[in-house]
Amino acid sequence: RKKESLKFLNPNNCSIFTAHPVYSTCIGN
């Protein structure tokens, strides 16, 4: 939330528990 460069990155999609959908939707391809 503090980084201006991360304005397109929604903090609520960031977690150390799971991969971000950018990667998880690749389904190992």
PDB file of all heavy atoms in Angstrom:
ATOM      1  N   ARG A   1       0.817  -1.219   0.000  1.00  0.00           N
ATOM      2  CA  ARG A   1       0.000   0.000   0.000  1.00  0.00           C
ATOM      3  C   ARG A   1       0.854   1.274   0.000  1.00  0.00           C
ATOM      4  O   ARG A   1       0.399   2.331  -0.425  1.00  0.00           O
ATOM      5  CB  ARG A   1      -0.932   0.008   1.205  1.00  0.00           C
ATOM      6  CG  ARG A   1      -2.062  -1.005   1.107  1.00  0.00           C
ATOM      7  CD  ARG A   1      -3.050  -0.854   2.253  1.00  0.00           C
ATOM      8  NE  ARG A   1      -4.166  -1.770   2.091  1.00  0.00           N
ATOM      9  CZ  ARG A   1      -4.209  -2.987   2.618  1.00  0.00           C
ATOM     10  NH1 ARG A   1      -3.190  -3.432   3.338  1.00  0.00           N
ATOM     11  NH2 ARG A   1      -5.259  -3.771   2.422  1.00  0.00           N
ATOM     12  N   LYS A   2       2.084   1.176   0.481  1.00  0.00           N
ATOM     13  CA  LYS A   2       2.948   2.361   0.588  1.00  0.00           C
ATOM     14  C   LYS A   2       3.650   2.702  -0.723  1.00  0.00           C
ATOM     15  O   LYS A   2       4.136   3.818  -0.883  1.00  0.00           O
ATOM     16  CB  LYS A   2       4.019   2.127   1.661  1.00  0.00           C
ATOM     17  CG  LYS A   2       3.488   1.967   3.069  1.00  0.00           C
ATOM     18  CD  LYS A   2       4.639   1.665   4.016  1.00  0.00           C
ATOM     19  CE  LYS A   2       4.166   1.357   5.416  1.00  0.00           C
ATOM     20  NZ  LYS A   2       5.294   0.981   6.307  1.00  0.00           N
ATOM     21  N   LYS A   3       3.737   1.757  -1.643  1.00  0.00           N
ATOM     22  CA  LYS A   3       4.550   1.943  -2.849  1.00  0.00           C
ATOM     23  C   LYS A   3       3.734   2.520  -3.995  1.00  0.00           C
ATOM     24  O   LYS A   3       2.784   1.904  -4.472  1.00  0.00           O
ATOM     25  CB  LYS A   3       5.149   0.596  -3.287  1.00  0.00           C
ATOM     26  CG  LYS A   3       5.945  -0.135  -2.209  1.00  0.00           C
ATOM     27  CD  LYS A   3       7.249   0.555  -1.897  1.00  0.00           C
ATOM     28  CE  LYS A   3       8.080  -0.275  -0.915  1.00  0.00           C
ATOM     29  NZ  LYS A   3       9.319   0.401  -0.548  1.00  0.00           N
ATOM     30  N   GLU A   4       4.135   3.678  -4.478  1.00  0.00           N
ATOM     31  CA  GLU A   4       3.469   4.301  -5.617  1.00  0.00           C
ATOM     32  C   GLU A   4       3.634   3.453  -6.876  1.00  0.00           C
ATOM     33  O   GLU A   4       2.739   3.390  -7.720  1.00  0.00           O
ATOM     34  CB  GLU A   4       4.051   5.701  -5.844  1.00  0.00           C
ATOM     35  CG  GLU A   4       3.550   6.403  -7.091  1.00  0.00           C
ATOM     36  CD  GLU A   4       2.042   6.638  -7.095  1.00  0.00           C
ATOM     37  OE1 GLU A   4       1.452   6.733  -6.000  1.00  0.00           O
ATOM     38  OE2 GLU A   4       1.451   6.719  -8.189  1.00  0.00           O
ATOM     39  N   SER A   5       4.781   2.773  -6.987  1.00  0.00           N
ATOM     40  CA  SER A   5       5.042   1.950  -8.177  1.00  0.00           C
ATOM     41  C   SER A   5       4.122   0.731  -8.242  1.00  0.00           C
ATOM     42  O   SER A   5       4.006   0.088  -9.282  1.00  0.00           O
ATOM     43  CB  SER A   5       6.501   1.479  -8.192  1.00  0.00           C
ATOM     44  OG  SER A   5       6.797   0.708  -7.040  1.00  0.00           O
ATOM     45  N   LEU A   6       3.461   0.408  -7.124  1.00  0.00           N
ATOM     46  CA  LEU A   6       2.586  -0.766  -7.067  1.00  0.00           C
ATOM     47  C   LEU A   6       1.110  -0.374  -7.130  1.00  0.00           C
ATOM     48  O   LEU A   6       0.251  -1.075  -6.610  1.00  0.00           O
ATOM     49  CB  LEU A   6       2.853  -1.561  -5.790  1.00  0.00           C
ATOM     50  CG  LEU A   6       4.269  -2.098  -5.621  1.00  0.00           C
ATOM     51  CD1 LEU A   6       4.412  -2.813  -4.281  1.00  0.00           C
ATOM     52  CD2 LEU A   6       4.645  -3.032  -6.753  1.00  0.00           C
ATOM     53  N   LYS A   7       0.824   0.748  -7.802  1.00  0.00           N
ATOM     54  CA  LYS A   7      -0.558   1.247  -7.805  1.00  0.00           C
ATOM     55  C   LYS A   7      -1.535   0.294  -8.493  1.00  0.00           C
ATOM     56  O   LYS A   7      -2.731   0.305  -8.210  1.00  0.00           O
ATOM     57  CB  LYS A   7      -0.618   2.623  -8.464  1.00  0.00           C
ATOM     58  CG  LYS A   7      -0.276   2.643  -9.942  1.00  0.00           C
ATOM     59  CD  LYS A   7      -0.420   4.052 -10.503  1.00  0.00           C
ATOM     60  CE  LYS A   7      -0.118   4.089 -11.988  1.00  0.00           C
ATOM     61  NZ  LYS A   7      -0.296   5.454 -12.546  1.00  0.00           N
ATOM     62  N   PHE A   8      -1.045  -0.554  -9.408  1.00  0.00           N
ATOM     63  CA  PHE A   8      -1.933  -1.503 -10.081  1.00  0.00           C
ATOM     64  C   PHE A   8      -2.037  -2.835  -9.328  1.00  0.00           C
ATOM     65  O   PHE A   8      -2.825  -3.697  -9.694  1.00  0.00           O
ATOM     66  CB  PHE A   8      -1.451  -1.770 -11.506  1.00  0.00           C
ATOM     67  CG  PHE A   8      -1.588  -0.589 -12.427  1.00  0.00           C
ATOM     68  CD1 PHE A   8      -0.477   0.030 -12.962  1.00  0.00           C
ATOM     69  CD2 PHE A   8      -2.839  -0.081 -12.744  1.00  0.00           C
ATOM     70  CE1 PHE A   8      -0.600   1.126 -13.810  1.00  0.00           C
ATOM     71  CE2 PHE A   8      -2.982   1.014 -13.579  1.00  0.00           C
ATOM     72  CZ  PHE A   8      -1.854   1.624 -14.114  1.00  0.00           C
ATOM     73  N   LEU A   9      -1.214  -2.996  -8.300  1.00  0.00           N
ATOM     74  CA  LEU A   9      -1.204  -4.253  -7.543  1.00  0.00           C
ATOM     75  C   LEU A   9      -2.115  -4.116  -6.329  1.00  0.00           C
ATOM     76  O   LEU A   9      -1.848  -3.341  -5.418  1.00  0.00           O
ATOM     77  CB  LEU A   9       0.220  -4.585  -7.095  1.00  0.00           C
ATOM     78  CG  LEU A   9       0.414  -5.896  -6.323  1.00  0.00           C
ATOM     79  CD1 LEU A   9      -0.019  -7.089  -7.165  1.00  0.00           C
ATOM     80  CD2 LEU A   9       1.863  -6.050  -5.893  1.00  0.00           C
ATOM     81  N   ASN A  10      -3.193  -4.854  -6.327  1.00  0.00           N
ATOM     82  CA  ASN A  10      -4.147  -4.793  -5.225  1.00  0.00           C
ATOM     83  C   ASN A  10      -3.619  -5.583  -4.026  1.00  0.00           C
ATOM     84  O   ASN A  10      -3.385  -6.790  -4.136  1.00  0.00           O
ATOM     85  CB  ASN A  10      -5.486  -5.374  -5.685  1.00  0.00           C
ATOM     86  CG  ASN A  10      -6.505  -5.405  -4.569  1.00  0.00           C
ATOM     87  OD1 ASN A  10      -6.450  -4.589  -3.663  1.00  0.00           O
ATOM     88  ND2 ASN A  10      -7.421  -6.340  -4.612  1.00  0.00           N
ATOM     89  N   PRO A  11      -3.399  -4.932  -2.878  1.00  0.00           N
ATOM     90  CA  PRO A  11      -2.833  -5.627  -1.712  1.00  0.00           C
ATOM     91  C   PRO A  11      -3.633  -6.848  -1.278  1.00  0.00           C
ATOM     92  O   PRO A  11      -3.074  -7.810  -0.755  1.00  0.00           O
ATOM     93  CB  PRO A  11      -2.845  -4.547  -0.617  1.00  0.00           C
ATOM     94  CG  PRO A  11      -2.900  -3.254  -1.348  1.00  0.00           C
ATOM     95  CD  PRO A  11      -3.667  -3.519  -2.603  1.00  0.00           C
ATOM     96  N   ASN A  12      -4.956  -6.811  -1.489  1.00  0.00           N
ATOM     97  CA  ASN A  12      -5.791  -7.926  -1.037  1.00  0.00           C
ATOM     98  C   ASN A  12      -5.570  -9.198  -1.847  1.00  0.00           C
ATOM     99  O   ASN A  12      -6.026 -10.267  -1.470  1.00  0.00           O
ATOM    100  CB  ASN A  12      -7.265  -7.527  -1.088  1.00  0.00           C
ATOM    101  CG  ASN A  12      -7.591  -6.421  -0.105  1.00  0.00           C
ATOM    102  OD1 ASN A  12      -6.942  -6.299   0.934  1.00  0.00           O
ATOM    103  ND2 ASN A  12      -8.565  -5.594  -0.425  1.00  0.00           N
ATOM    104  N   ASN A  13      -4.886  -9.063  -3.003  1.00  0.00           N
ATOM    105  CA  ASN A  13      -4.542 -10.250  -3.784  1.00  0.00           C
ATOM    106  C   ASN A  13      -3.137 -10.753  -3.465  1.00  0.00           C
ATOM    107  O   ASN A  13      -2.666 -11.703  -4.069  1.00  0.00           O
ATOM    108  CB  ASN A  13      -4.620  -9.945  -5.287  1.00  0.00           C
ATOM    109  CG  ASN A  13      -6.007 -10.192  -5.848  1.00  0.00           C
ATOM    110  OD1 ASN A  13      -6.870 -10.720  -5.166  1.00  0.00           O
ATOM    111  ND2 ASN A  13      -6.232  -9.799  -7.085  1.00  0.00           N
ATOM    112  N   CYS A  14      -2.468 -10.070  -2.520  1.00  0.00           N
ATOM    113  CA  CYS A  14      -1.105 -10.456  -2.143  1.00  0.00           C
ATOM    114  C   CYS A  14      -1.147 -11.292  -0.872  1.00  0.00           C
ATOM    115  O   CYS A  14      -1.726 -10.869   0.131  1.00  0.00           O
ATOM    116  CB  CYS A  14      -0.243  -9.220  -1.905  1.00  0.00           C
ATOM    117  SG  CYS A  14      -0.097  -8.136  -3.314  1.00  0.00           S
ATOM    118  N   SER A  15      -0.540 -12.437  -0.906  1.00  0.00           N
ATOM    119  CA  SER A  15      -0.537 -13.300   0.272  1.00  0.00           C
ATOM    120  C   SER A  15       0.671 -14.222   0.221  1.00  0.00           C
ATOM    121  O   SER A  15       1.109 -14.636  -0.854  1.00  0.00           O
ATOM    122  CB  SER A  15      -1.822 -14.135   0.324  1.00  0.00           C
ATOM    123  OG  SER A  15      -1.764 -15.067   1.380  1.00  0.00           O
ATOM    124  N   ILE A  16       1.211 -14.514   1.394  1.00  0.00           N
ATOM    125  CA  ILE A  16       2.305 -15.487   1.452  1.00  0.00           C
ATOM    126  C   ILE A  16       1.755 -16.911   1.494  1.00  0.00           C
ATOM    127  O   ILE A  16       2.515 -17.870   1.438  1.00  0.00           O
ATOM    128  CB  ILE A  16       3.221 -15.240   2.666  1.00  0.00           C
ATOM    129  CG1 ILE A  16       2.428 -15.391   3.972  1.00  0.00           C
ATOM    130  CG2 ILE A  16       3.881 -13.875   2.583  1.00  0.00           C
ATOM    131  CD1 ILE A  16       3.290 -15.329   5.220  1.00  0.00           C
ATOM    132  N   PHE A  17       0.435 -17.032   1.592  1.00  0.00           N
ATOM    133  CA  PHE A  17      -0.187 -18.349   1.667  1.00  0.00           C
ATOM    134  C   PHE A  17      -0.413 -18.968   0.288  1.00  0.00           C
ATOM    135  O   PHE A  17      -0.324 -20.184   0.126  1.00  0.00           O
ATOM    136  CB  PHE A  17      -1.535 -18.263   2.403  1.00  0.00           C
ATOM    137  CG  PHE A  17      -1.425 -17.843   3.829  1.00  0.00           C
ATOM    138  CD1 PHE A  17      -1.744 -16.555   4.207  1.00  0.00           C
ATOM    139  CD2 PHE A  17      -0.997 -18.736   4.798  1.00  0.00           C
ATOM    140  CE1 PHE A  17      -1.651 -16.158   5.531  1.00  0.00           C
ATOM    141  CE2 PHE A  17      -0.894 -18.348   6.121  1.00  0.00           C
ATOM    142  CZ  PHE A  17      -1.215 -17.054   6.490  1.00  0.00           C
ATOM    143  N   THR A  18      -0.755 -18.128  -0.683  1.00  0.00           N
ATOM    144  CA  THR A  18      -1.103 -18.641  -2.016  1.00  0.00           C
ATOM    145  C   THR A  18      -0.434 -17.808  -3.099  1.00  0.00           C
ATOM    146  O   THR A  18      -0.104 -16.638  -2.882  1.00  0.00           O
ATOM    147  CB  THR A  18      -2.628 -18.593  -2.246  1.00  0.00           C
ATOM    148  OG1 THR A  18      -3.087 -17.245  -2.070  1.00  0.00           O
ATOM    149  CG2 THR A  18      -3.358 -19.503  -1.280  1.00  0.00           C
ATOM    150  N   ALA A  19      -0.278 -18.412  -4.276  1.00  0.00           N
ATOM    151  CA  ALA A  19       0.283 -17.695  -5.416  1.00  0.00           C
ATOM    152  C   ALA A  19      -0.725 -16.673  -5.931  1.00  0.00           C
ATOM    153  O   ALA A  19      -1.941 -16.884  -5.850  1.00  0.00           O
ATOM    154  CB  ALA A  19       0.643 -18.674  -6.527  1.00  0.00           C
ATOM    155  N   HIS A  20      -0.226 -15.571  -6.464  1.00  0.00           N
ATOM    156  CA  HIS A  20      -1.101 -14.567  -7.071  1.00  0.00           C
ATOM    157  C   HIS A  20      -1.765 -15.189  -8.298  1.00  0.00           C
ATOM    158  O   HIS A  20      -1.158 -16.022  -8.995  1.00  0.00           O
ATOM    159  CB  HIS A  20      -0.275 -13.345  -7.484  1.00  0.00           C
ATOM    160  CG  HIS A  20      -1.095 -12.157  -7.851  1.00  0.00           C
ATOM    161  ND1 HIS A  20      -1.694 -12.039  -9.094  1.00  0.00           N
ATOM    162  CD2 HIS A  20      -1.424 -11.034  -7.165  1.00  0.00           C
ATOM    163  CE1 HIS A  20      -2.353 -10.897  -9.143  1.00  0.00           C
ATOM    164  NE2 HIS A  20      -2.210 -10.264  -7.999  1.00  0.00           N
ATOM    165  N   PRO A  21      -3.013 -14.820  -8.608  1.00  0.00           N
ATOM    166  CA  PRO A  21      -3.697 -15.387  -9.782  1.00  0.00           C
ATOM    167  C   PRO A  21      -2.936 -15.215 -11.100  1.00  0.00           C
ATOM    168  O   PRO A  21      -3.138 -15.997 -12.025  1.00  0.00           O
ATOM    169  CB  PRO A  21      -5.025 -14.610  -9.822  1.00  0.00           C
ATOM    170  CG  PRO A  21      -5.262 -14.195  -8.414  1.00  0.00           C
ATOM    171  CD  PRO A  21      -3.919 -13.940  -7.825  1.00  0.00           C
ATOM    172  N   VAL A  22      -2.070 -14.204 -11.195  1.00  0.00           N
ATOM    173  CA  VAL A  22      -1.239 -14.057 -12.396  1.00  0.00           C
ATOM    174  C   VAL A  22      -0.508 -15.367 -12.679  1.00  0.00           C
ATOM    175  O   VAL A  22      -0.373 -15.788 -13.829  1.00  0.00           O
ATOM    176  CB  VAL A  22      -0.226 -12.902 -12.227  1.00  0.00           C
ATOM    177  CG1 VAL A  22       0.866 -12.969 -13.287  1.00  0.00           C
ATOM    178  CG2 VAL A  22      -0.936 -11.559 -12.322  1.00  0.00           C
ATOM    179  N   TYR A  23      -0.038 -16.019 -11.603  1.00  0.00           N
ATOM    180  CA  TYR A  23       0.706 -17.275 -11.760  1.00  0.00           C
ATOM    181  C   TYR A  23      -0.180 -18.508 -11.590  1.00  0.00           C
ATOM    182  O   TYR A  23      -0.016 -19.493 -12.318  1.00  0.00           O
ATOM    183  CB  TYR A  23       1.856 -17.336 -10.744  1.00  0.00           C
ATOM    184  CG  TYR A  23       2.972 -16.382 -11.059  1.00  0.00           C
ATOM    185  CD1 TYR A  23       3.213 -15.267 -10.268  1.00  0.00           C
ATOM    186  CD2 TYR A  23       3.798 -16.592 -12.160  1.00  0.00           C
ATOM    187  CE1 TYR A  23       4.241 -14.380 -10.565  1.00  0.00           C
ATOM    188  CE2 TYR A  23       4.824 -15.718 -12.458  1.00  0.00           C
ATOM    189  CZ  TYR A  23       5.042 -14.613 -11.660  1.00  0.00           C
ATOM    190  OH  TYR A  23       6.055 -13.744 -11.959  1.00  0.00           O
ATOM    191  N   SER A  24      -1.094 -18.463 -10.627  1.00  0.00           N
ATOM    192  CA  SER A  24      -1.891 -19.666 -10.354  1.00  0.00           C
ATOM    193  C   SER A  24      -2.782 -20.061 -11.530  1.00  0.00           C
ATOM    194  O   SER A  24      -3.140 -21.231 -11.684  1.00  0.00           O
ATOM    195  CB  SER A  24      -2.739 -19.471  -9.090  1.00  0.00           C
ATOM    196  OG  SER A  24      -3.676 -18.422  -9.259  1.00  0.00           O
ATOM    197  N   THR A  25      -3.143 -19.093 -12.384  1.00  0.00           N
ATOM    198  CA  THR A  25      -3.996 -19.405 -13.530  1.00  0.00           C
ATOM    199  C   THR A  25      -3.206 -19.982 -14.713  1.00  0.00           C
ATOM    200  O   THR A  25      -3.806 -20.332 -15.729  1.00  0.00           O
ATOM    201  CB  THR A  25      -4.755 -18.143 -14.006  1.00  0.00           C
ATOM    202  OG1 THR A  25      -3.813 -17.083 -14.238  1.00  0.00           O
ATOM    203  CG2 THR A  25      -5.768 -17.698 -12.975  1.00  0.00           C
ATOM    204  N   CYS A  26      -1.897 -20.079 -14.563  1.00  0.00           N
ATOM    205  CA  CYS A  26      -1.082 -20.684 -15.640  1.00  0.00           C
ATOM    206  C   CYS A  26      -1.191 -22.200 -15.651  1.00  0.00           C
ATOM    207  O   CYS A  26      -0.854 -22.862 -16.646  1.00  0.00           O
ATOM    208  CB  CYS A  26       0.393 -20.294 -15.483  1.00  0.00           C
ATOM    209  SG  CYS A  26       0.707 -18.542 -15.686  1.00  0.00           S
ATOM    210  N   ILE A  27      -1.617 -22.763 -14.543  1.00  0.00           N
ATOM    211  CA  ILE A  27      -1.872 -24.210 -14.398  1.00  0.00           C
ATOM    212  C   ILE A  27      -0.667 -25.039 -14.869  1.00  0.00           C
ATOM    213  O   ILE A  27      -0.804 -26.011 -15.606  1.00  0.00           O
ATOM    214  CB  ILE A  27      -3.147 -24.639 -15.146  1.00  0.00           C
ATOM    215  CG1 ILE A  27      -4.239 -23.599 -14.960  1.00  0.00           C
ATOM    216  CG2 ILE A  27      -3.666 -25.986 -14.643  1.00  0.00           C
ATOM    217  CD1 ILE A  27      -5.515 -23.854 -15.719  1.00  0.00           C
ATOM    218  N   GLY A  28       0.532 -24.624 -14.465  1.00  0.00           N
ATOM    219  CA  GLY A  28       1.730 -25.410 -14.746  1.00  0.00           C
ATOM    220  C   GLY A  28       2.203 -25.389 -16.181  1.00  0.00           C
ATOM    221  O   GLY A  28       3.079 -26.169 -16.551  1.00  0.00           O
ATOM    222  N   ASN A  29       1.631 -24.535 -17.024  1.00  0.00           N
ATOM    223  CA  ASN A  29       2.040 -24.448 -18.435  1.00  0.00           C
ATOM    224  C   ASN A  29       3.273 -23.545 -18.539  1.00  0.00           C
ATOM    225  O   ASN A  29       3.189 -22.353 -18.253  1.00  0.00           O
ATOM    226  CB  ASN A  29       0.879 -23.873 -19.253  1.00  0.00           C
ATOM    227  CG  ASN A  29       1.168 -23.847 -20.740  1.00  0.00           C
ATOM    228  OD1 ASN A  29       2.252 -23.466 -21.169  1.00  0.00           O
ATOM    229  ND2 ASN A  29       0.192 -24.230 -21.548  1.00  0.00           N
TER     230      ASN A  29
END
